[in-house]
Amino acid sequence: MTDDEAQALEDAILDVMAQDQEHVSNEELRHYMNETIWFAAKQTVKNKASEEPSMQDEHVVNLREAINRPANQETKKVDLRAAIQ
């Protein structure tokens, strides 16, 4: 996430908080709303960062070669259980 994207996200979150606070008169409820919005923002940034591909993921694949590769060549096997954890 670039600095500009992060700033835009922060501005959008602050706008939502300002709009919501105009309609909430209970201070305790306002506090919980703010905590919820900040938690959601942190999770969004964390998830966004984890979804960005790494340099290893951005490699070029020759599809013609991959399709025409003989079936007996060893392919990379992935352990799904290890990948999920």
Protein backbone atom coordinates (compact mmCIF):
# COMPACT_ATOMS: atom_id res chain seq x y z
CA MET A 1 0.00 0.00 0.00
CA THR A 2 1.47 3.33 -1.00
CA ASP A 3 1.50 6.39 1.23
CA ASP A 4 -1.15 8.05 -0.95
CA GLU A 5 -3.46 5.04 -0.68
CA ALA A 6 -2.95 4.90 3.08
CA GLN A 7 -3.72 8.61 3.38
CA ALA A 8 -6.86 8.24 1.24
CA LEU A 9 -8.01 5.34 3.42
CA GLU A 10 -7.37 7.32 6.59
CA ASP A 11 -9.29 10.32 5.21
CA ALA A 12 -12.23 8.11 4.26
CA ILE A 13 -12.31 6.55 7.73
CA LEU A 14 -12.17 9.95 9.42
CA ASP A 15 -15.05 11.14 7.21
CA VAL A 16 -17.16 8.14 8.25
CA MET A 17 -16.36 8.77 11.91
CA ALA A 18 -17.30 12.44 11.62
CA GLN A 19 -20.60 11.64 9.92
CA ASP A 20 -21.50 8.97 12.47
CA GLN A 21 -20.60 11.14 15.44
CA GLU A 22 -23.03 13.83 14.31
CA HIS A 23 -25.91 11.44 15.00
CA VAL A 24 -24.71 9.82 18.25
CA SER A 25 -25.38 11.61 21.52
CA ASN A 26 -24.31 8.86 23.95
CA GLU A 27 -20.60 9.22 24.78
CA GLU A 28 -20.10 5.54 25.61
CA LEU A 29 -21.70 4.47 22.33
CA ARG A 30 -19.56 7.04 20.48
CA HIS A 31 -16.44 5.56 22.08
CA TYR A 32 -17.38 2.01 21.02
CA MET A 33 -18.18 3.19 17.49
CA ASN A 34 -14.76 4.84 17.24
CA GLU A 35 -13.02 1.70 18.54
CA THR A 36 -14.93 -0.45 16.04
CA ILE A 37 -14.06 1.81 13.12
CA TRP A 38 -10.37 1.93 14.07
CA PHE A 39 -10.24 -1.84 14.47
CA ALA A 40 -11.83 -2.27 11.04
CA ALA A 41 -9.34 0.18 9.56
CA LYS A 42 -6.37 -1.64 11.05
CA GLN A 43 -7.65 -5.01 9.80
CA THR A 44 -8.26 -3.56 6.33
CA VAL A 45 -4.70 -2.25 6.12
CA LYS A 46 -3.32 -5.54 7.45
CA ASN A 47 -5.34 -7.59 4.94
CA LYS A 48 -4.44 -5.26 2.10
CA ALA A 49 -0.74 -5.63 2.89
CA SER A 50 -0.99 -9.42 3.06
CA GLU A 51 -2.77 -9.61 -0.30
CA GLU A 52 -0.10 -7.71 -2.20
CA PRO A 53 2.04 -10.08 -4.26
CA SER A 54 5.69 -10.43 -3.43
CA MET A 55 8.47 -10.17 -5.99
CA GLN A 56 8.60 -13.98 -6.16
CA ASP A 57 4.91 -14.12 -7.09
CA GLU A 58 5.35 -11.69 -9.97
CA HIS A 59 7.33 -14.01 -12.21
CA VAL A 60 6.60 -14.49 -15.90
CA VAL A 61 5.14 -17.81 -17.02
CA ASN A 62 5.46 -19.04 -20.58
CA LEU A 63 2.00 -20.54 -21.05
CA ARG A 64 2.81 -22.25 -24.32
CA GLU A 65 5.73 -24.03 -22.70
CA ALA A 66 3.70 -24.93 -19.63
CA ILE A 67 0.85 -26.35 -21.70
CA ASN A 68 3.14 -28.34 -24.01
CA ARG A 69 5.33 -29.69 -21.19
CA PRO A 70 5.23 -33.48 -21.13
CA ALA A 71 3.13 -34.87 -18.30
CA ASN A 72 5.98 -36.98 -16.92
CA GLN A 73 8.06 -33.92 -15.93
CA GLU A 74 7.94 -33.30 -12.23
CA THR A 75 5.74 -30.39 -11.25
CA LYS A 76 5.91 -28.43 -8.04
CA LYS A 77 3.64 -29.96 -5.41
CA VAL A 78 2.05 -27.80 -2.74
CA ASP A 79 1.17 -29.00 0.73
CA LEU A 80 -2.22 -27.35 1.21
CA ARG A 81 -2.28 -27.99 4.95
CA ALA A 82 1.03 -26.18 5.40
CA ALA A 83 -0.02 -23.38 3.05
CA ILE A 84 -3.22 -22.70 4.99
CA GLN A 85 -1.55 -22.61 8.39
